[in-house]
């Protein structure tokens, strides 16, 4: 493992990684705790701030496959994340707790799970950081991660009360 790729990256990329780490770590505590209390609200607020900063900073990073200006297909993940933040907030403000919970969990699985796994693609900076050099091991991690996320999402979805 090496930090040199992130240390040599532009500031916006460093900031993006910096807000991704707490979003990744705080999310499960806010989303999967059985009690919905003040701690849930506090962790959820910090998590939403991190997710929003992650999505906005992601829009500022130049795509490796630019289609329109510096935007490429990967920027759609930022749009989906921002949409998820708005939907989750909108649902809770209207007292739709089950739909809020579902929206927030989908946001975590999508933004942190799926998008996070794609950072391990060979040739990407996180792949080099984690494995020390460009490595095809990222494909194995992505495959296992997709299976784990699918199982967790399926289990979580089946635990939610149906409206």
C-alpha atoms as a PDB file:
ATOM      1  CA  UNK A   1       0.000   0.000   0.000  1.00  0.00           C
ATOM      2  CA  UNK A   2       1.262   3.455  -0.886  1.00  0.00           C
ATOM      3  CA  UNK A   3      -0.075   6.965  -0.325  1.00  0.00           C
ATOM      4  CA  UNK A   4       2.056   8.556  -3.037  1.00  0.00           C
ATOM      5  CA  UNK A   5      -0.714   8.611  -5.701  1.00  0.00           C
ATOM      6  CA  UNK A   6      -3.034  10.634  -3.440  1.00  0.00           C
ATOM      7  CA  UNK A   7      -0.243  12.858  -2.156  1.00  0.00           C
ATOM      8  CA  UNK A   8       0.720  13.700  -5.725  1.00  0.00           C
ATOM      9  CA  UNK A   9      -2.882  14.201  -6.899  1.00  0.00           C
ATOM     10  CA  UNK A  10      -4.562  17.595  -7.387  1.00  0.00           C
ATOM     11  CA  UNK A  11      -6.156  19.142  -4.288  1.00  0.00           C
ATOM     12  CA  UNK A  12      -9.725  18.384  -5.426  1.00  0.00           C
ATOM     13  CA  UNK A  13      -8.879  14.680  -5.700  1.00  0.00           C
ATOM     14  CA  UNK A  14      -7.307  14.739  -2.238  1.00  0.00           C
ATOM     15  CA  UNK A  15     -10.408  16.460  -0.852  1.00  0.00           C
ATOM     16  CA  UNK A  16     -12.638  13.897  -2.595  1.00  0.00           C
ATOM     17  CA  UNK A  17     -10.775  11.017  -0.927  1.00  0.00           C
ATOM     18  CA  UNK A  18     -10.740  12.859   2.402  1.00  0.00           C
ATOM     19  CA  UNK A  19     -14.557  13.146   2.518  1.00  0.00           C
ATOM     20  CA  UNK A  20     -15.034   9.634   1.116  1.00  0.00           C
ATOM     21  CA  UNK A  21     -13.377   8.009   4.128  1.00  0.00           C
ATOM     22  CA  UNK A  22     -15.751   9.338   6.822  1.00  0.00           C
ATOM     23  CA  UNK A  23     -18.706   8.783   4.477  1.00  0.00           C
ATOM     24  CA  UNK A  24     -17.685   5.158   4.105  1.00  0.00           C
ATOM     25  CA  UNK A  25     -17.131   4.625   7.830  1.00  0.00           C
ATOM     26  CA  UNK A  26     -19.988   6.666   9.341  1.00  0.00           C
ATOM     27  CA  UNK A  27     -22.686   5.498   6.942  1.00  0.00           C
ATOM     28  CA  UNK A  28     -23.236   2.013   8.381  1.00  0.00           C
ATOM     29  CA  UNK A  29     -23.530   3.358  11.940  1.00  0.00           C
ATOM     30  CA  UNK A  30     -26.170   5.876  10.905  1.00  0.00           C
ATOM     31  CA  UNK A  31     -28.028   3.498   8.604  1.00  0.00           C
ATOM     32  CA  UNK A  32     -28.020   0.162  10.343  1.00  0.00           C
ATOM     33  CA  UNK A  33     -28.262   0.997  14.046  1.00  0.00           C
ATOM     34  CA  UNK A  34     -31.483  -0.422  15.478  1.00  0.00           C
ATOM     35  CA  UNK A  35     -32.237   2.750  17.452  1.00  0.00           C
ATOM     36  CA  UNK A  36     -33.281   5.973  15.789  1.00  0.00           C
ATOM     37  CA  UNK A  37     -32.214   8.604  18.294  1.00  0.00           C
ATOM     38  CA  UNK A  38     -30.126  11.775  18.580  1.00  0.00           C
ATOM     39  CA  UNK A  39     -26.945   9.860  17.714  1.00  0.00           C
ATOM     40  CA  UNK A  40     -28.629   8.586  14.542  1.00  0.00           C
ATOM     41  CA  UNK A  41     -29.538  12.168  13.611  1.00  0.00           C
ATOM     42  CA  UNK A  42     -26.005  13.446  14.357  1.00  0.00           C
ATOM     43  CA  UNK A  43     -24.225  10.653  12.473  1.00  0.00           C
ATOM     44  CA  UNK A  44     -26.701  10.941   9.605  1.00  0.00           C
ATOM     45  CA  UNK A  45     -26.133  14.693   9.357  1.00  0.00           C
ATOM     46  CA  UNK A  46     -22.350  14.300   9.213  1.00  0.00           C
ATOM     47  CA  UNK A  47     -22.746  11.472   6.715  1.00  0.00           C
ATOM     48  CA  UNK A  48     -24.997  13.569   4.448  1.00  0.00           C
ATOM     49  CA  UNK A  49     -22.540  16.466   4.560  1.00  0.00           C
ATOM     50  CA  UNK A  50     -19.739  14.080   3.552  1.00  0.00           C
ATOM     51  CA  UNK A  51     -21.813  12.476   0.771  1.00  0.00           C
ATOM     52  CA  UNK A  52     -22.789  15.901  -0.563  1.00  0.00           C
ATOM     53  CA  UNK A  53     -19.161  17.103  -0.478  1.00  0.00           C
ATOM     54  CA  UNK A  54     -18.119  13.847  -2.129  1.00  0.00           C
ATOM     55  CA  UNK A  55     -20.636  14.288  -4.955  1.00  0.00           C
ATOM     56  CA  UNK A  56     -19.871  17.972  -5.531  1.00  0.00           C
ATOM     57  CA  UNK A  57     -16.107  17.420  -5.486  1.00  0.00           C
ATOM     58  CA  UNK A  58     -16.585  14.476  -7.851  1.00  0.00           C
ATOM     59  CA  UNK A  59     -18.189  16.836 -10.351  1.00  0.00           C
ATOM     60  CA  UNK A  60     -15.038  18.970 -10.280  1.00  0.00           C
ATOM     61  CA  UNK A  61     -12.654  16.113 -11.096  1.00  0.00           C
ATOM     62  CA  UNK A  62     -11.801  15.746 -14.772  1.00  0.00           C
ATOM     63  CA  UNK A  63     -13.038  12.501 -16.307  1.00  0.00           C
ATOM     64  CA  UNK A  64     -10.627  10.096 -17.936  1.00  0.00           C
ATOM     65  CA  UNK A  65     -13.348   9.707 -20.608  1.00  0.00           C
ATOM     66  CA  UNK A  66     -14.610  13.266 -21.184  1.00  0.00           C
ATOM     67  CA  UNK A  67     -17.821  13.552 -23.186  1.00  0.00           C
ATOM     68  CA  UNK A  68     -18.939  17.115 -22.492  1.00  0.00           C
ATOM     69  CA  UNK A  69     -16.219  19.513 -21.266  1.00  0.00           C
ATOM     70  CA  UNK A  70     -14.553  17.599 -18.420  1.00  0.00           C
ATOM     71  CA  UNK A  71     -17.652  15.522 -17.608  1.00  0.00           C
ATOM     72  CA  UNK A  72     -17.788  11.829 -18.386  1.00  0.00           C
ATOM     73  CA  UNK A  73     -19.924   8.814 -17.486  1.00  0.00           C
ATOM     74  CA  UNK A  74     -18.484   8.643 -13.951  1.00  0.00           C
ATOM     75  CA  UNK A  75     -20.020  12.029 -13.173  1.00  0.00           C
ATOM     76  CA  UNK A  76     -23.467  10.436 -13.336  1.00  0.00           C
ATOM     77  CA  UNK A  77     -22.650   8.862  -9.966  1.00  0.00           C
ATOM     78  CA  UNK A  78     -22.378  12.349  -8.454  1.00  0.00           C
ATOM     79  CA  UNK A  79     -25.744  13.322  -9.925  1.00  0.00           C
ATOM     80  CA  UNK A  80     -27.359  10.155  -8.557  1.00  0.00           C
ATOM     81  CA  UNK A  81     -25.791  10.770  -5.141  1.00  0.00           C
ATOM     82  CA  UNK A  82     -27.082  14.339  -4.972  1.00  0.00           C
ATOM     83  CA  UNK A  83     -30.513  13.131  -6.046  1.00  0.00           C
ATOM     84  CA  UNK A  84     -30.397  10.519  -3.274  1.00  0.00           C
ATOM     85  CA  UNK A  85     -29.495  13.143  -0.665  1.00  0.00           C
ATOM     86  CA  UNK A  86     -32.408  15.332  -1.733  1.00  0.00           C
ATOM     87  CA  UNK A  87     -34.836  12.413  -1.816  1.00  0.00           C
ATOM     88  CA  UNK A  88     -33.788  11.161   1.620  1.00  0.00           C
ATOM     89  CA  UNK A  89     -34.176  14.606   3.167  1.00  0.00           C
ATOM     90  CA  UNK A  90     -37.480  15.168   1.392  1.00  0.00           C
ATOM     91  CA  UNK A  91     -38.846  11.819   2.640  1.00  0.00           C
ATOM     92  CA  UNK A  92     -37.948  12.408   6.295  1.00  0.00           C
ATOM     93  CA  UNK A  93     -39.325  15.965   6.246  1.00  0.00           C
ATOM     94  CA  UNK A  94     -42.635  14.474   5.158  1.00  0.00           C
ATOM     95  CA  UNK A  95     -42.569  11.796   7.834  1.00  0.00           C
ATOM     96  CA  UNK A  96     -42.081   8.960   5.347  1.00  0.00           C
ATOM     97  CA  UNK A  97     -39.673   7.052   7.551  1.00  0.00           C
ATOM     98  CA  UNK A  98     -39.651   3.765   5.644  1.00  0.00           C
ATOM     99  CA  UNK A  99     -39.052   5.523   2.311  1.00  0.00           C
ATOM    100  CA  UNK A 100     -36.396   7.727   3.942  1.00  0.00           C
ATOM    101  CA  UNK A 101     -34.611   4.658   5.286  1.00  0.00           C
ATOM    102  CA  UNK A 102     -34.782   2.974   1.896  1.00  0.00           C
ATOM    103  CA  UNK A 103     -33.495   6.074   0.072  1.00  0.00           C
ATOM    104  CA  UNK A 104     -30.569   6.492   2.482  1.00  0.00           C
ATOM    105  CA  UNK A 105     -29.591   2.834   2.271  1.00  0.00           C
ATOM    106  CA  UNK A 106     -29.754   2.897  -1.513  1.00  0.00           C
ATOM    107  CA  UNK A 107     -27.577   6.014  -1.446  1.00  0.00           C
ATOM    108  CA  UNK A 108     -24.979   4.303   0.734  1.00  0.00           C
ATOM    109  CA  UNK A 109     -24.966   1.115  -1.355  1.00  0.00           C
ATOM    110  CA  UNK A 110     -24.732   3.112  -4.586  1.00  0.00           C
ATOM    111  CA  UNK A 111     -22.353   5.897  -3.584  1.00  0.00           C
ATOM    112  CA  UNK A 112     -20.083   4.016  -1.249  1.00  0.00           C
ATOM    113  CA  UNK A 113     -20.565   0.425  -2.364  1.00  0.00           C
ATOM    114  CA  UNK A 114     -20.820   0.411  -6.124  1.00  0.00           C
ATOM    115  CA  UNK A 115     -18.904   3.619  -6.822  1.00  0.00           C
ATOM    116  CA  UNK A 116     -16.308   2.735  -4.200  1.00  0.00           C
ATOM    117  CA  UNK A 117     -15.657  -0.635  -5.795  1.00  0.00           C
ATOM    118  CA  UNK A 118     -15.099   0.957  -9.204  1.00  0.00           C
ATOM    119  CA  UNK A 119     -12.226   2.974  -7.744  1.00  0.00           C
ATOM    120  CA  UNK A 120     -10.332  -0.327  -7.570  1.00  0.00           C
ATOM    121  CA  UNK A 121     -10.378  -0.833 -11.335  1.00  0.00           C
ATOM    122  CA  UNK A 122      -6.869  -1.485 -12.698  1.00  0.00           C
ATOM    123  CA  UNK A 123      -5.315   1.786 -13.832  1.00  0.00           C
ATOM    124  CA  UNK A 124      -7.182   3.923 -11.282  1.00  0.00           C
ATOM    125  CA  UNK A 125      -5.429   5.745  -8.462  1.00  0.00           C
ATOM    126  CA  UNK A 126      -7.064   3.778  -5.614  1.00  0.00           C
ATOM    127  CA  UNK A 127      -6.030   0.496  -7.226  1.00  0.00           C
ATOM    128  CA  UNK A 128      -2.421   1.651  -7.143  1.00  0.00           C
ATOM    129  CA  UNK A 129      -2.762   2.973  -3.583  1.00  0.00           C
ATOM    130  CA  UNK A 130      -4.232  -0.258  -2.217  1.00  0.00           C
ATOM    131  CA  UNK A 131      -2.087  -2.743  -4.138  1.00  0.00           C
ATOM    132  CA  UNK A 132       1.131  -0.697  -4.409  1.00  0.00           C
ATOM    133  CA  UNK A 133       1.233  -0.948  -8.198  1.00  0.00           C
ATOM    134  CA  UNK A 134      -1.392  -1.355 -10.916  1.00  0.00           C
ATOM    135  CA  UNK A 135      -2.939  -4.749 -10.253  1.00  0.00           C
ATOM    136  CA  UNK A 136      -5.630  -6.984 -11.715  1.00  0.00           C
ATOM    137  CA  UNK A 137      -6.485  -8.000  -8.136  1.00  0.00           C
ATOM    138  CA  UNK A 138      -8.923  -5.105  -8.254  1.00  0.00           C
ATOM    139  CA  UNK A 139     -11.182  -7.198 -10.505  1.00  0.00           C
ATOM    140  CA  UNK A 140     -11.360  -9.949  -7.873  1.00  0.00           C
ATOM    141  CA  UNK A 141     -12.170  -7.437  -5.113  1.00  0.00           C
ATOM    142  CA  UNK A 142     -14.818  -5.810  -7.318  1.00  0.00           C
ATOM    143  CA  UNK A 143     -16.429  -9.180  -8.074  1.00  0.00           C
ATOM    144  CA  UNK A 144     -16.501 -10.220  -4.426  1.00  0.00           C
ATOM    145  CA  UNK A 145     -17.701  -6.764  -3.418  1.00  0.00           C
ATOM    146  CA  UNK A 146     -20.574  -6.824  -5.908  1.00  0.00           C
ATOM    147  CA  UNK A 147     -21.681 -10.201  -4.566  1.00  0.00           C
ATOM    148  CA  UNK A 148     -21.427  -8.983  -0.952  1.00  0.00           C
ATOM    149  CA  UNK A 149     -23.312  -5.757  -1.723  1.00  0.00           C
ATOM    150  CA  UNK A 150     -26.036  -7.647  -3.557  1.00  0.00           C
ATOM    151  CA  UNK A 151     -26.495 -10.038  -0.644  1.00  0.00           C
ATOM    152  CA  UNK A 152     -26.496  -7.230   1.908  1.00  0.00           C
ATOM    153  CA  UNK A 153     -28.908  -5.139  -0.146  1.00  0.00           C
ATOM    154  CA  UNK A 154     -31.220  -8.132  -0.607  1.00  0.00           C
ATOM    155  CA  UNK A 155     -31.150  -8.926   3.110  1.00  0.00           C
ATOM    156  CA  UNK A 156     -31.668  -5.280   4.083  1.00  0.00           C
ATOM    157  CA  UNK A 157     -34.511  -4.801   1.607  1.00  0.00           C
ATOM    158  CA  UNK A 158     -36.296  -7.878   2.966  1.00  0.00           C
ATOM    159  CA  UNK A 159     -36.029  -6.508   6.511  1.00  0.00           C
ATOM    160  CA  UNK A 160     -37.784  -3.228   5.664  1.00  0.00           C
ATOM    161  CA  UNK A 161     -41.504  -3.168   6.405  1.00  0.00           C
ATOM    162  CA  UNK A 162     -43.550  -3.006   3.229  1.00  0.00           C
ATOM    163  CA  UNK A 163     -45.884  -0.011   2.935  1.00  0.00           C
END
